[in-house]
Amino acid sequence: MICLVLTGSTIEENIQQFRENRSYLSIIELRLDLLDETERPRAIAFPDMVDVPVILTCRRVSDGGAYGQSERSRIALIEQVSKGNFAYVDLEEDVRRSGLEHKLTERNIRIIRSYHDFEGVPNDIYHRTSRIAAKGEIPKMAVTPKTLLDLIILFRIESELASVPEKIVLGMGDMGVPTRILYKRMGSMFTYCSEQAIAPGQIDARTMKELYKADKVDARTRIYGVIGNPVLHSSSPHIHNPGFQQINFNAVYVPFLVDSVRSFFVLAETLQISGFSVTVPHKQAVLPYLGKTTREVKQIGSCNTVVRTKNFWSGTNTDYYGFIEPLLPEIDAKNIQTALVIGAGGAARSVVWALRNHGCKVTIINRNVERARKLALETMSAYDSLENARLFEGVDLIVQTTTVGMVPDSDGDPIPDFHFTGKEIAYELVYKPPYTRFLTRASAAGCRLQLGMDMLIRQGKLQFEAFTGYHYPKRVETFK
């Protein structure tokens, strides 16, 4: 079930949040601690105002909540309000058992016994979960994975604790986002959402329901994803998930924050991940784990698409083709013969090789001149310092491959002193925002533009074909 955590300060605000999200949720959590103090007594009638089960919670400050008064007053408040028709009451693991639990059980109100760890994942998480379940309560483990090894521990809970059918497990923070989307793969009863994230890593209910269809994930659902660091800004889920849904392909595409490529391949086996996209900074680090690679990957030394085959992982590079495709008519017509490439990172490698393979003369400029020199030697290109960008005014094509200008650095410009003549084609790989300062200046000078979002979509469609074996459906081609 998708559970919406209500964050309003009044009963009316919470009713409004419920109505606006009704089609995306199956259950809601009413947070007494977030209500104005004068509103809290009214909460007893709240379950009768909605048509879904309600969890009653009053979270202490120490557990990420807002209730700062005495523990005695908090328990008394919960006991008073829980006389309403609530389906569940959430009590923390360390709350001393009293007559409250007996009264709730007598009224068939289930107790969720929650444990919160904002610093990591406890070594005894399996034991804690089992101990709570043995007392007839529903264990809730809200912990904070700091590494992929922590994430692996969480995803192994389903197999390690198969004897505990009712449990709630979630990872907080950026590393824990996959646990919220793939909650069913951990045997978790709920995933928690809210309009305004009140816990680290929370996703809104509409995204969880419509983009990820998390409540429809089952044992047959194929898992795909994108790995990077950072990665949650990626728009790739907005390409692949609508594509899967349009062709009725039982799959979900999830962002994975990856601190260790080696650990990710262990997680990939744990979840039986079918394939994944690779973004900064892992496009070269994945290479040793691949059993087969395409000619482009071998040449470029960079991989952005990995697919599971019967006996090994196979890697390709769709950046190469996604980048060069719109330029081919201009190259064939001899309109593009010289190019200036800004940057010498993983993205630049694909760009430079694609241009060199199609006969273009390339100059690489980079802040770190040594990196530019190394890439230039590999690709038989020229190189120079970023400071000397103005020396190359008048080239046919300028490609911006760095992260300068990407949100939140929207005002950034890698070559602020470069003078556009208006005859160049300006190609930006950054896609957030759609129009960077680099592109805005080029457009004002009369240059033709190639947008990063368009390249993202082209390479994403090629990945989609590698993942599914099907062409990307035309009906969702309007994504931007």
Foldseek 3Di string as FASTA:
>chain_A
DAEEEQQDQALVSSLVQCVVCVVLDAEYEYELLNHDPVRLLVLLASVVSDDHAYEYEHDDVVQLGRDDDDPVVVVVSCLNSVVHPHQEYEAEQPPDDDCSVVVCVVVNRAYEYEDEAEPADDPCPLVVQVVQVVVVHEYAYEYAHPALVRVLVQLCQCVVPVVRQGYAYFHFAPQGLVCLLQVVSSSYPYRYAYPDDSTHNHHHSCCSCPLFVSVPQDPPAAEEEEEEVVWPVDCLSVQQSVLCVVVVNRYGYYYHYHPDPVSVVVVCVSSVHFKYFYDPPCQQVCVVQFPEEDPLCVLLSGFGIWGDDDPGIYTYHLLLVLVCVVCVVCLVVVLAAEEEEEDQHSSVSSVLQSQLVSRHAYEYEYQPQVSSVVSCVSSVHHYDYLQCQQVPAPHAEYEYDDCFCAPPNVQGDSNVPHDHQQNHEYEYLHVHPQAGPNNVRSVVNNHHYHTNVSSVNSSSQVSSCVRPVDGRDPVSVPDD
